[in-house]
């Protein structure tokens, strides 16, 4: 498992990345994160919903209610054009951070 402090600054980017691929509901987002990280990162439900509320209030994502299923209605999230632009910015910042860490840490990060 990874410390939540280390990943905290990147959760927005992770959620936005997933939503660039397709609209998802909360539990689906959490499951996708867990699956893609081979269970190394398991986002807590409260954290996830705090993040999507923040992203929605910043108009980086929007939400809608999906069709009613056996489990009831689900709230789906989708990335907005503003969210896509912000995602591209965070990826550019991430690349600079990687370069900085490689320059400082050298072979220790391999």
PDB file of N, CA and C in Angstrom:
ATOM      1  N   UNK A   1       0.841  -1.191   0.000  1.00  0.00           N
ATOM      2  CA  UNK A   1       0.000   0.000   0.000  1.00  0.00           C
ATOM      3  C   UNK A   1       0.879   1.246   0.000  1.00  0.00           C
ATOM      4  N   UNK A   2       0.352   2.321  -0.519  1.00  0.00           N
ATOM      5  CA  UNK A   2       1.069   3.590  -0.587  1.00  0.00           C
ATOM      6  C   UNK A   2       0.451   4.550   0.429  1.00  0.00           C
ATOM      7  N   UNK A   3       1.285   5.388   0.995  1.00  0.00           N
ATOM      8  CA  UNK A   3       0.801   6.377   1.945  1.00  0.00           C
ATOM      9  C   UNK A   3      -0.159   7.333   1.244  1.00  0.00           C
ATOM     10  N   UNK A   4      -1.288   7.599   1.881  1.00  0.00           N
ATOM     11  CA  UNK A   4      -2.256   8.521   1.288  1.00  0.00           C
ATOM     12  C   UNK A   4      -1.677   9.923   1.160  1.00  0.00           C
ATOM     13  N   UNK A   5      -0.702  10.276   2.020  1.00  0.00           N
ATOM     14  CA  UNK A   5      -0.069  11.591   1.924  1.00  0.00           C
ATOM     15  C   UNK A   5       0.684  11.754   0.608  1.00  0.00           C
ATOM     16  N   UNK A   6       1.318  10.688   0.153  1.00  0.00           N
ATOM     17  CA  UNK A   6       2.093  10.759  -1.084  1.00  0.00           C
ATOM     18  C   UNK A   6       1.178  10.921  -2.289  1.00  0.00           C
ATOM     19  N   UNK A   7       0.077  10.245  -2.302  1.00  0.00           N
ATOM     20  CA  UNK A   7      -0.799  10.250  -3.471  1.00  0.00           C
ATOM     21  C   UNK A   7      -1.862  11.350  -3.430  1.00  0.00           C
ATOM     22  N   UNK A   8      -2.065  11.953  -2.279  1.00  0.00           N
ATOM     23  CA  UNK A   8      -3.133  12.940  -2.090  1.00  0.00           C
ATOM     24  C   UNK A   8      -3.119  14.038  -3.149  1.00  0.00           C
ATOM     25  N   UNK A   9      -1.970  14.540  -3.501  1.00  0.00           N
ATOM     26  CA  UNK A   9      -1.876  15.625  -4.478  1.00  0.00           C
ATOM     27  C   UNK A   9      -2.158  15.199  -5.900  1.00  0.00           C
ATOM     28  N   UNK A  10      -2.348  13.911  -6.114  1.00  0.00           N
ATOM     29  CA  UNK A  10      -2.550  13.409  -7.470  1.00  0.00           C
ATOM     30  C   UNK A  10      -3.912  12.755  -7.677  1.00  0.00           C
ATOM     31  N   UNK A  11      -4.738  12.750  -6.655  1.00  0.00           N
ATOM     32  CA  UNK A  11      -6.032  12.081  -6.762  1.00  0.00           C
ATOM     33  C   UNK A  11      -6.911  12.754  -7.816  1.00  0.00           C
ATOM     34  N   UNK A  12      -6.901  14.082  -7.870  1.00  0.00           N
ATOM     35  CA  UNK A  12      -7.699  14.777  -8.883  1.00  0.00           C
ATOM     36  C   UNK A  12      -7.303  14.301 -10.277  1.00  0.00           C
ATOM     37  N   UNK A  13      -5.998  14.233 -10.521  1.00  0.00           N
ATOM     38  CA  UNK A  13      -5.504  13.808 -11.826  1.00  0.00           C
ATOM     39  C   UNK A  13      -5.918  12.376 -12.134  1.00  0.00           C
ATOM     40  N   UNK A  14      -5.863  11.516 -11.142  1.00  0.00           N
ATOM     41  CA  UNK A  14      -6.259  10.118 -11.330  1.00  0.00           C
ATOM     42  C   UNK A  14      -7.734  10.033 -11.723  1.00  0.00           C
ATOM     43  N   UNK A  15      -8.583  10.736 -11.004  1.00  0.00           N
ATOM     44  CA  UNK A  15     -10.022  10.712 -11.295  1.00  0.00           C
ATOM     45  C   UNK A  15     -10.285  11.290 -12.682  1.00  0.00           C
ATOM     46  N   UNK A  16      -9.653  12.407 -12.998  1.00  0.00           N
ATOM     47  CA  UNK A  16      -9.850  13.013 -14.311  1.00  0.00           C
ATOM     48  C   UNK A  16      -9.378  12.088 -15.423  1.00  0.00           C
ATOM     49  N   UNK A  17      -8.253  11.407 -15.215  1.00  0.00           N
ATOM     50  CA  UNK A  17      -7.759  10.456 -16.215  1.00  0.00           C
ATOM     51  C   UNK A  17      -8.800   9.390 -16.505  1.00  0.00           C
ATOM     52  N   UNK A  18      -9.352   8.799 -15.461  1.00  0.00           N
ATOM     53  CA  UNK A  18     -10.346   7.749 -15.648  1.00  0.00           C
ATOM     54  C   UNK A  18     -11.568   8.276 -16.394  1.00  0.00           C
ATOM     55  N   UNK A  19     -11.955   9.500 -16.088  1.00  0.00           N
ATOM     56  CA  UNK A  19     -13.136  10.068 -16.734  1.00  0.00           C
ATOM     57  C   UNK A  19     -12.869  10.524 -18.158  1.00  0.00           C
ATOM     58  N   UNK A  20     -11.590  10.626 -18.562  1.00  0.00           N
ATOM     59  CA  UNK A  20     -11.308  10.895 -19.980  1.00  0.00           C
ATOM     60  C   UNK A  20     -11.622   9.660 -20.817  1.00  0.00           C
ATOM     61  N   UNK A  21     -11.631   8.509 -20.177  1.00  0.00           N
ATOM     62  CA  UNK A  21     -11.878   7.252 -20.882  1.00  0.00           C
ATOM     63  C   UNK A  21     -13.361   6.955 -21.052  1.00  0.00           C
ATOM     64  N   UNK A  22     -14.144   7.248 -20.006  1.00  0.00           N
ATOM     65  CA  UNK A  22     -15.596   7.035 -20.069  1.00  0.00           C
ATOM     66  C   UNK A  22     -16.227   7.596 -18.795  1.00  0.00           C
ATOM     67  N   UNK A  23     -17.516   7.845 -18.852  1.00  0.00           N
ATOM     68  CA  UNK A  23     -18.262   8.261 -17.667  1.00  0.00           C
ATOM     69  C   UNK A  23     -18.300   7.083 -16.696  1.00  0.00           C
ATOM     70  N   UNK A  24     -18.200   7.387 -15.403  1.00  0.00           N
ATOM     71  CA  UNK A  24     -18.223   6.335 -14.387  1.00  0.00           C
ATOM     72  C   UNK A  24     -18.971   6.817 -13.159  1.00  0.00           C
ATOM     73  N   UNK A  25     -19.492   5.865 -12.402  1.00  0.00           N
ATOM     74  CA  UNK A  25     -20.102   6.181 -11.109  1.00  0.00           C
ATOM     75  C   UNK A  25     -19.061   5.939 -10.019  1.00  0.00           C
ATOM     76  N   UNK A  26     -19.322   6.420  -8.825  1.00  0.00           N
ATOM     77  CA  UNK A  26     -18.338   6.422  -7.746  1.00  0.00           C
ATOM     78  C   UNK A  26     -17.712   5.074  -7.445  1.00  0.00           C
ATOM     79  N   UNK A  27     -18.531   4.065  -7.237  1.00  0.00           N
ATOM     80  CA  UNK A  27     -18.008   2.745  -6.897  1.00  0.00           C
ATOM     81  C   UNK A  27     -17.159   2.196  -8.034  1.00  0.00           C
ATOM     82  N   UNK A  28     -17.543   2.511  -9.254  1.00  0.00           N
ATOM     83  CA  UNK A  28     -16.788   2.077 -10.432  1.00  0.00           C
ATOM     84  C   UNK A  28     -15.416   2.758 -10.470  1.00  0.00           C
ATOM     85  N   UNK A  29     -15.377   4.044 -10.148  1.00  0.00           N
ATOM     86  CA  UNK A  29     -14.098   4.765 -10.076  1.00  0.00           C
ATOM     87  C   UNK A  29     -13.174   4.117  -9.046  1.00  0.00           C
ATOM     88  N   UNK A  30     -13.715   3.859  -7.869  1.00  0.00           N
ATOM     89  CA  UNK A  30     -12.912   3.252  -6.799  1.00  0.00           C
ATOM     90  C   UNK A  30     -12.390   1.883  -7.224  1.00  0.00           C
ATOM     91  N   UNK A  31     -13.238   1.087  -7.835  1.00  0.00           N
ATOM     92  CA  UNK A  31     -12.834  -0.238  -8.284  1.00  0.00           C
ATOM     93  C   UNK A  31     -11.771  -0.184  -9.367  1.00  0.00           C
ATOM     94  N   UNK A  32     -11.907   0.763 -10.273  1.00  0.00           N
ATOM     95  CA  UNK A  32     -10.933   0.917 -11.359  1.00  0.00           C
ATOM     96  C   UNK A  32      -9.565   1.307 -10.803  1.00  0.00           C
ATOM     97  N   UNK A  33      -9.540   2.193  -9.822  1.00  0.00           N
ATOM     98  CA  UNK A  33      -8.278   2.583  -9.192  1.00  0.00           C
ATOM     99  C   UNK A  33      -7.635   1.374  -8.525  1.00  0.00           C
ATOM    100  N   UNK A  34      -8.415   0.634  -7.784  1.00  0.00           N
ATOM    101  CA  UNK A  34      -7.900  -0.541  -7.079  1.00  0.00           C
ATOM    102  C   UNK A  34      -7.369  -1.582  -8.064  1.00  0.00           C
ATOM    103  N   UNK A  35      -8.114  -1.814  -9.130  1.00  0.00           N
ATOM    104  CA  UNK A  35      -7.708  -2.799 -10.135  1.00  0.00           C
ATOM    105  C   UNK A  35      -6.428  -2.373 -10.846  1.00  0.00           C
ATOM    106  N   UNK A  36      -6.393  -1.123 -11.306  1.00  0.00           N
ATOM    107  CA  UNK A  36      -5.232  -0.658 -12.075  1.00  0.00           C
ATOM    108  C   UNK A  36      -3.961  -0.574 -11.243  1.00  0.00           C
ATOM    109  N   UNK A  37      -4.118  -0.434  -9.950  1.00  0.00           N
ATOM    110  CA  UNK A  37      -2.934  -0.367  -9.085  1.00  0.00           C
ATOM    111  C   UNK A  37      -2.634  -1.714  -8.442  1.00  0.00           C
ATOM    112  N   UNK A  38      -3.293  -2.761  -8.912  1.00  0.00           N
ATOM    113  CA  UNK A  38      -3.108  -4.107  -8.347  1.00  0.00           C
ATOM    114  C   UNK A  38      -3.260  -4.095  -6.825  1.00  0.00           C
ATOM    115  N   UNK A  39      -4.285  -3.380  -6.362  1.00  0.00           N
ATOM    116  CA  UNK A  39      -4.630  -3.255  -4.938  1.00  0.00           C
ATOM    117  C   UNK A  39      -3.619  -2.466  -4.111  1.00  0.00           C
ATOM    118  N   UNK A  40      -2.703  -1.741  -4.765  1.00  0.00           N
ATOM    119  CA  UNK A  40      -1.740  -0.935  -4.015  1.00  0.00           C
ATOM    120  C   UNK A  40      -2.371   0.343  -3.473  1.00  0.00           C
ATOM    121  N   UNK A  41      -3.423   0.807  -4.133  1.00  0.00           N
ATOM    122  CA  UNK A  41      -4.106   2.008  -3.659  1.00  0.00           C
ATOM    123  C   UNK A  41      -5.603   1.742  -3.661  1.00  0.00           C
ATOM    124  N   UNK A  42      -6.186   1.843  -2.490  1.00  0.00           N
ATOM    125  CA  UNK A  42      -7.618   1.627  -2.300  1.00  0.00           C
ATOM    126  C   UNK A  42      -8.195   2.924  -1.762  1.00  0.00           C
ATOM    127  N   UNK A  43      -8.813   3.709  -2.628  1.00  0.00           N
ATOM    128  CA  UNK A  43      -9.342   5.009  -2.208  1.00  0.00           C
ATOM    129  C   UNK A  43     -10.560   4.802  -1.315  1.00  0.00           C
ATOM    130  N   UNK A  44     -10.596   5.499  -0.225  1.00  0.00           N
ATOM    131  CA  UNK A  44     -11.719   5.406   0.702  1.00  0.00           C
ATOM    132  C   UNK A  44     -12.925   6.117   0.096  1.00  0.00           C
ATOM    133  N   UNK A  45     -14.095   5.581   0.385  1.00  0.00           N
ATOM    134  CA  UNK A  45     -15.330   6.129  -0.176  1.00  0.00           C
ATOM    135  C   UNK A  45     -15.498   7.610   0.170  1.00  0.00           C
ATOM    136  N   UNK A  46     -15.238   7.968   1.410  1.00  0.00           N
ATOM    137  CA  UNK A  46     -15.386   9.369   1.826  1.00  0.00           C
ATOM    138  C   UNK A  46     -14.428  10.271   1.057  1.00  0.00           C
ATOM    139  N   UNK A  47     -13.211   9.791   0.845  1.00  0.00           N
ATOM    140  CA  UNK A  47     -12.224  10.568   0.087  1.00  0.00           C
ATOM    141  C   UNK A  47     -12.682  10.740  -1.350  1.00  0.00           C
ATOM    142  N   UNK A  48     -13.133   9.649  -1.962  1.00  0.00           N
ATOM    143  CA  UNK A  48     -13.586   9.700  -3.349  1.00  0.00           C
ATOM    144  C   UNK A  48     -14.701  10.720  -3.520  1.00  0.00           C
ATOM    145  N   UNK A  49     -15.706  10.657  -2.660  1.00  0.00           N
ATOM    146  CA  UNK A  49     -16.836  11.564  -2.819  1.00  0.00           C
ATOM    147  C   UNK A  49     -16.456  13.005  -2.498  1.00  0.00           C
ATOM    148  N   UNK A  50     -15.505  13.206  -1.626  1.00  0.00           N
ATOM    149  CA  UNK A  50     -14.994  14.549  -1.376  1.00  0.00           C
ATOM    150  C   UNK A  50     -14.307  15.094  -2.630  1.00  0.00           C
ATOM    151  N   UNK A  51     -13.526  14.238  -3.281  1.00  0.00           N
ATOM    152  CA  UNK A  51     -12.812  14.648  -4.492  1.00  0.00           C
ATOM    153  C   UNK A  51     -13.796  14.974  -5.608  1.00  0.00           C
ATOM    154  N   UNK A  52     -14.775  14.101  -5.860  1.00  0.00           N
ATOM    155  CA  UNK A  52     -15.699  14.381  -6.963  1.00  0.00           C
ATOM    156  C   UNK A  52     -16.556  15.610  -6.673  1.00  0.00           C
ATOM    157  N   UNK A  53     -16.894  15.848  -5.425  1.00  0.00           N
ATOM    158  CA  UNK A  53     -17.635  17.073  -5.091  1.00  0.00           C
ATOM    159  C   UNK A  53     -16.785  18.308  -5.379  1.00  0.00           C
ATOM    160  N   UNK A  54     -15.512  18.238  -5.004  1.00  0.00           N
ATOM    161  CA  UNK A  54     -14.612  19.364  -5.260  1.00  0.00           C
ATOM    162  C   UNK A  54     -14.435  19.592  -6.759  1.00  0.00           C
ATOM    163  N   UNK A  55     -14.224  18.506  -7.505  1.00  0.00           N
ATOM    164  CA  UNK A  55     -14.049  18.629  -8.954  1.00  0.00           C
ATOM    165  C   UNK A  55     -15.311  19.178  -9.610  1.00  0.00           C
ATOM    166  N   UNK A  56     -16.461  18.757  -9.100  1.00  0.00           N
ATOM    167  CA  UNK A  56     -17.720  19.249  -9.655  1.00  0.00           C
ATOM    168  C   UNK A  56     -17.930  20.722  -9.320  1.00  0.00           C
ATOM    169  N   UNK A  57     -17.580  21.126  -8.114  1.00  0.00           N
ATOM    170  CA  UNK A  57     -17.750  22.536  -7.735  1.00  0.00           C
ATOM    171  C   UNK A  57     -16.817  23.442  -8.540  1.00  0.00           C
ATOM    172  N   UNK A  58     -15.695  22.890  -8.996  1.00  0.00           N
ATOM    173  CA  UNK A  58     -14.750  23.652  -9.839  1.00  0.00           C
ATOM    174  C   UNK A  58     -15.092  23.533 -11.325  1.00  0.00           C
ATOM    175  N   UNK A  59     -16.189  22.832 -11.619  1.00  0.00           N
ATOM    176  CA  UNK A  59     -16.686  22.628 -12.979  1.00  0.00           C
ATOM    177  C   UNK A  59     -15.703  21.848 -13.859  1.00  0.00           C
ATOM    178  N   UNK A  60     -14.905  20.981 -13.218  1.00  0.00           N
ATOM    179  CA  UNK A  60     -13.976  20.127 -13.957  1.00  0.00           C
ATOM    180  C   UNK A  60     -14.662  18.831 -14.363  1.00  0.00           C
ATOM    181  N   UNK A  61     -15.704  18.464 -13.617  1.00  0.00           N
ATOM    182  CA  UNK A  61     -16.553  17.326 -13.971  1.00  0.00           C
ATOM    183  C   UNK A  61     -18.000  17.747 -13.757  1.00  0.00           C
ATOM    184  N   UNK A  62     -18.897  16.978 -14.344  1.00  0.00           N
ATOM    185  CA  UNK A  62     -20.325  17.166 -14.089  1.00  0.00           C
ATOM    186  C   UNK A  62     -20.903  15.792 -13.764  1.00  0.00           C
ATOM    187  N   UNK A  63     -22.106  15.779 -13.261  1.00  0.00           N
ATOM    188  CA  UNK A  63     -22.720  14.503 -12.900  1.00  0.00           C
ATOM    189  C   UNK A  63     -24.137  14.446 -13.442  1.00  0.00           C
ATOM    190  N   UNK A  64     -24.595  13.226 -13.580  1.00  0.00           N
ATOM    191  CA  UNK A  64     -25.965  12.987 -14.008  1.00  0.00           C
ATOM    192  C   UNK A  64     -26.416  11.649 -13.425  1.00  0.00           C
ATOM    193  N   UNK A  65     -27.710  11.483 -13.339  1.00  0.00           N
ATOM    194  CA  UNK A  65     -28.266  10.243 -12.811  1.00  0.00           C
ATOM    195  C   UNK A  65     -28.508   9.285 -13.964  1.00  0.00           C
ATOM    196  N   UNK A  66     -27.981   8.082 -13.822  1.00  0.00           N
ATOM    197  CA  UNK A  66     -28.147   7.064 -14.848  1.00  0.00           C
ATOM    198  C   UNK A  66     -29.483   6.363 -14.733  1.00  0.00           C
ATOM    199  N   UNK A  67     -29.701   5.455 -15.650  1.00  0.00           N
ATOM    200  CA  UNK A  67     -30.943   4.676 -15.648  1.00  0.00           C
ATOM    201  C   UNK A  67     -31.041   3.827 -14.389  1.00  0.00           C
ATOM    202  N   UNK A  68     -32.246   3.600 -13.950  1.00  0.00           N
ATOM    203  CA  UNK A  68     -32.475   2.794 -12.746  1.00  0.00           C
ATOM    204  C   UNK A  68     -32.128   1.339 -13.051  1.00  0.00           C
ATOM    205  N   UNK A  69     -31.352   0.723 -12.147  1.00  0.00           N
ATOM    206  CA  UNK A  69     -30.970  -0.674 -12.295  1.00  0.00           C
ATOM    207  C   UNK A  69     -31.417  -1.430 -11.047  1.00  0.00           C
ATOM    208  N   UNK A  70     -30.981  -2.665 -10.928  1.00  0.00           N
ATOM    209  CA  UNK A  70     -31.337  -3.476  -9.755  1.00  0.00           C
ATOM    210  C   UNK A  70     -30.879  -2.821  -8.458  1.00  0.00           C
ATOM    211  N   UNK A  71     -29.765  -2.111  -8.498  1.00  0.00           N
ATOM    212  CA  UNK A  71     -29.233  -1.470  -7.299  1.00  0.00           C
ATOM    213  C   UNK A  71     -29.738  -0.060  -7.091  1.00  0.00           C
ATOM    214  N   UNK A  72     -30.661   0.394  -7.915  1.00  0.00           N
ATOM    215  CA  UNK A  72     -31.158   1.759  -7.808  1.00  0.00           C
ATOM    216  C   UNK A  72     -30.498   2.652  -8.843  1.00  0.00           C
ATOM    217  N   UNK A  73     -30.666   3.934  -8.695  1.00  0.00           N
ATOM    218  CA  UNK A  73     -30.071   4.875  -9.641  1.00  0.00           C
ATOM    219  C   UNK A  73     -28.656   5.230  -9.217  1.00  0.00           C
ATOM    220  N   UNK A  74     -27.788   5.341 -10.204  1.00  0.00           N
ATOM    221  CA  UNK A  74     -26.395   5.687  -9.937  1.00  0.00           C
ATOM    222  C   UNK A  74     -26.115   7.089 -10.451  1.00  0.00           C
ATOM    223  N   UNK A  75     -25.238   7.788  -9.723  1.00  0.00           N
ATOM    224  CA  UNK A  75     -24.792   9.101 -10.173  1.00  0.00           C
ATOM    225  C   UNK A  75     -23.496   8.893 -10.939  1.00  0.00           C
ATOM    226  N   UNK A  76     -23.536   9.256 -12.209  1.00  0.00           N
ATOM    227  CA  UNK A  76     -22.362   9.143 -13.075  1.00  0.00           C
ATOM    228  C   UNK A  76     -21.651  10.472 -13.162  1.00  0.00           C
ATOM    229  N   UNK A  77     -20.341  10.406 -13.346  1.00  0.00           N
ATOM    230  CA  UNK A  77     -19.513  11.595 -13.475  1.00  0.00           C
ATOM    231  C   UNK A  77     -18.875  11.602 -14.850  1.00  0.00           C
ATOM    232  N   UNK A  78     -18.790  12.795 -15.428  1.00  0.00           N
ATOM    233  CA  UNK A  78     -18.137  12.942 -16.722  1.00  0.00           C
ATOM    234  C   UNK A  78     -17.248  14.179 -16.688  1.00  0.00           C
ATOM    235  N   UNK A  79     -16.174  14.111 -17.424  1.00  0.00           N
ATOM    236  CA  UNK A  79     -15.231  15.226 -17.454  1.00  0.00           C
ATOM    237  C   UNK A  79     -15.775  16.315 -18.381  1.00  0.00           C
ATOM    238  N   UNK A  80     -15.546  17.559 -18.027  1.00  0.00           N
ATOM    239  CA  UNK A  80     -15.989  18.691 -18.834  1.00  0.00           C
ATOM    240  C   UNK A  80     -14.813  19.172 -19.696  1.00  0.00           C
ATOM    241  N   UNK A  81     -15.080  20.028 -20.666  1.00  0.00           N
ATOM    242  CA  UNK A  81     -13.964  20.598 -21.445  1.00  0.00           C
ATOM    243  C   UNK A  81     -12.940  21.304 -20.546  1.00  0.00           C
ATOM    244  N   UNK A  82     -13.411  22.012 -19.534  1.00  0.00           N
ATOM    245  CA  UNK A  82     -12.505  22.655 -18.585  1.00  0.00           C
ATOM    246  C   UNK A  82     -11.685  21.604 -17.839  1.00  0.00           C
ATOM    247  N   UNK A  83     -12.308  20.494 -17.491  1.00  0.00           N
ATOM    248  CA  UNK A  83     -11.622  19.396 -16.819  1.00  0.00           C
ATOM    249  C   UNK A  83     -10.554  18.780 -17.699  1.00  0.00           C
ATOM    250  N   UNK A  84     -10.828  18.634 -18.998  1.00  0.00           N
ATOM    251  CA  UNK A  84      -9.837  18.091 -19.926  1.00  0.00           C
ATOM    252  C   UNK A  84      -8.623  19.000 -20.023  1.00  0.00           C
ATOM    253  N   UNK A  85      -8.858  20.307 -20.071  1.00  0.00           N
ATOM    254  CA  UNK A  85      -7.751  21.267 -20.120  1.00  0.00           C
ATOM    255  C   UNK A  85      -6.929  21.203 -18.835  1.00  0.00           C
ATOM    256  N   UNK A  86      -7.611  21.147 -17.690  1.00  0.00           N
ATOM    257  CA  UNK A  86      -6.921  21.057 -16.410  1.00  0.00           C
ATOM    258  C   UNK A  86      -6.122  19.754 -16.318  1.00  0.00           C
ATOM    259  N   UNK A  87      -6.694  18.659 -16.807  1.00  0.00           N
ATOM    260  CA  UNK A  87      -5.998  17.370 -16.816  1.00  0.00           C
ATOM    261  C   UNK A  87      -4.698  17.474 -17.612  1.00  0.00           C
ATOM    262  N   UNK A  88      -4.752  18.091 -18.782  1.00  0.00           N
ATOM    263  CA  UNK A  88      -3.529  18.253 -19.596  1.00  0.00           C
ATOM    264  C   UNK A  88      -2.472  19.061 -18.839  1.00  0.00           C
ATOM    265  N   UNK A  89      -2.899  20.090 -18.107  1.00  0.00           N
ATOM    266  CA  UNK A  89      -1.974  20.887 -17.298  1.00  0.00           C
ATOM    267  C   UNK A  89      -1.326  20.043 -16.201  1.00  0.00           C
ATOM    268  N   UNK A  90      -2.119  19.224 -15.522  1.00  0.00           N
ATOM    269  CA  UNK A  90      -1.562  18.416 -14.427  1.00  0.00           C
ATOM    270  C   UNK A  90      -0.602  17.363 -14.949  1.00  0.00           C
ATOM    271  N   UNK A  91      -0.847  16.842 -16.145  1.00  0.00           N
ATOM    272  CA  UNK A  91       0.072  15.869 -16.746  1.00  0.00           C
ATOM    273  C   UNK A  91       1.393  16.558 -17.071  1.00  0.00           C
ATOM    274  N   UNK A  92       1.341  17.766 -17.585  1.00  0.00           N
ATOM    275  CA  UNK A  92       2.568  18.514 -17.873  1.00  0.00           C
ATOM    276  C   UNK A  92       3.354  18.754 -16.578  1.00  0.00           C
ATOM    277  N   UNK A  93       2.651  19.111 -15.504  1.00  0.00           N
ATOM    278  CA  UNK A  93       3.312  19.309 -14.210  1.00  0.00           C
ATOM    279  C   UNK A  93       3.917  18.005 -13.702  1.00  0.00           C
ATOM    280  N   UNK A  94       3.201  16.903 -13.892  1.00  0.00           N
ATOM    281  CA  UNK A  94       3.684  15.599 -13.446  1.00  0.00           C
ATOM    282  C   UNK A  94       4.986  15.242 -14.169  1.00  0.00           C
ATOM    283  N   UNK A  95       5.061  15.539 -15.450  1.00  0.00           N
ATOM    284  CA  UNK A  95       6.274  15.247 -16.221  1.00  0.00           C
ATOM    285  C   UNK A  95       7.460  16.055 -15.694  1.00  0.00           C
ATOM    286  N   UNK A  96       7.231  17.298 -15.330  1.00  0.00           N
ATOM    287  CA  UNK A  96       8.300  18.120 -14.748  1.00  0.00           C
ATOM    288  C   UNK A  96       8.724  17.532 -13.402  1.00  0.00           C
ATOM    289  N   UNK A  97       7.752  17.118 -12.589  1.00  0.00           N
ATOM    290  CA  UNK A  97       8.070  16.505 -11.295  1.00  0.00           C
ATOM    291  C   UNK A  97       8.904  15.241 -11.487  1.00  0.00           C
ATOM    292  N   UNK A  98       8.559  14.418 -12.463  1.00  0.00           N
ATOM    293  CA  UNK A  98       9.343  13.216 -12.746  1.00  0.00           C
ATOM    294  C   UNK A  98      10.787  13.581 -13.093  1.00  0.00           C
ATOM    295  N   UNK A  99      10.957  14.593 -13.916  1.00  0.00           N
ATOM    296  CA  UNK A  99      12.308  15.036 -14.295  1.00  0.00           C
ATOM    297  C   UNK A  99      13.084  15.514 -13.072  1.00  0.00           C
ATOM    298  N   UNK A 100      12.417  16.266 -12.199  1.00  0.00           N
ATOM    299  CA  UNK A 100      13.058  16.757 -10.981  1.00  0.00           C
ATOM    300  C   UNK A 100      13.484  15.596 -10.099  1.00  0.00           C
ATOM    301  N   UNK A 101      12.588  14.641  -9.902  1.00  0.00           N
ATOM    302  CA  UNK A 101      12.903  13.491  -9.047  1.00  0.00           C
ATOM    303  C   UNK A 101      14.040  12.655  -9.636  1.00  0.00           C
ATOM    304  N   UNK A 102      14.036  12.465 -10.950  1.00  0.00           N
ATOM    305  CA  UNK A 102      15.134  11.720 -11.581  1.00  0.00           C
ATOM    306  C   UNK A 102      16.456  12.456 -11.423  1.00  0.00           C
ATOM    307  N   UNK A 103      16.423  13.793 -11.574  1.00  0.00           N
ATOM    308  CA  UNK A 103      17.645  14.588 -11.454  1.00  0.00           C
ATOM    309  C   UNK A 103      18.212  14.513 -10.047  1.00  0.00           C
ATOM    310  N   UNK A 104      17.352  14.486  -9.069  1.00  0.00           N
ATOM    311  CA  UNK A 104      17.803  14.451  -7.676  1.00  0.00           C
ATOM    312  C   UNK A 104      18.119  13.025  -7.229  1.00  0.00           C
ATOM    313  N   UNK A 105      17.259  12.082  -7.530  1.00  0.00           N
ATOM    314  CA  UNK A 105      17.384  10.733  -7.010  1.00  0.00           C
ATOM    315  C   UNK A 105      18.264   9.821  -7.866  1.00  0.00           C
ATOM    316  N   UNK A 106      18.426  10.155  -9.134  1.00  0.00           N
ATOM    317  CA  UNK A 106      19.261   9.332 -10.001  1.00  0.00           C
ATOM    318  C   UNK A 106      18.759   7.899 -10.078  1.00  0.00           C
ATOM    319  N   UNK A 107      19.687   6.960  -9.959  1.00  0.00           N
ATOM    320  CA  UNK A 107      19.357   5.539 -10.078  1.00  0.00           C
ATOM    321  C   UNK A 107      18.555   5.006  -8.906  1.00  0.00           C
ATOM    322  N   UNK A 108      18.428   5.755  -7.823  1.00  0.00           N
ATOM    323  CA  UNK A 108      17.685   5.269  -6.653  1.00  0.00           C
ATOM    324  C   UNK A 108      16.204   5.065  -6.930  1.00  0.00           C
ATOM    325  N   UNK A 109      15.667   5.655  -7.999  1.00  0.00           N
ATOM    326  CA  UNK A 109      14.225   5.532  -8.252  1.00  0.00           C
ATOM    327  C   UNK A 109      13.912   4.431  -9.254  1.00  0.00           C
ATOM    328  N   UNK A 110      14.884   3.668  -9.624  1.00  0.00           N
ATOM    329  CA  UNK A 110      14.620   2.579 -10.590  1.00  0.00           C
ATOM    330  C   UNK A 110      14.436   1.283  -9.909  1.00  0.00           C
TER     331      UNK A 110
END
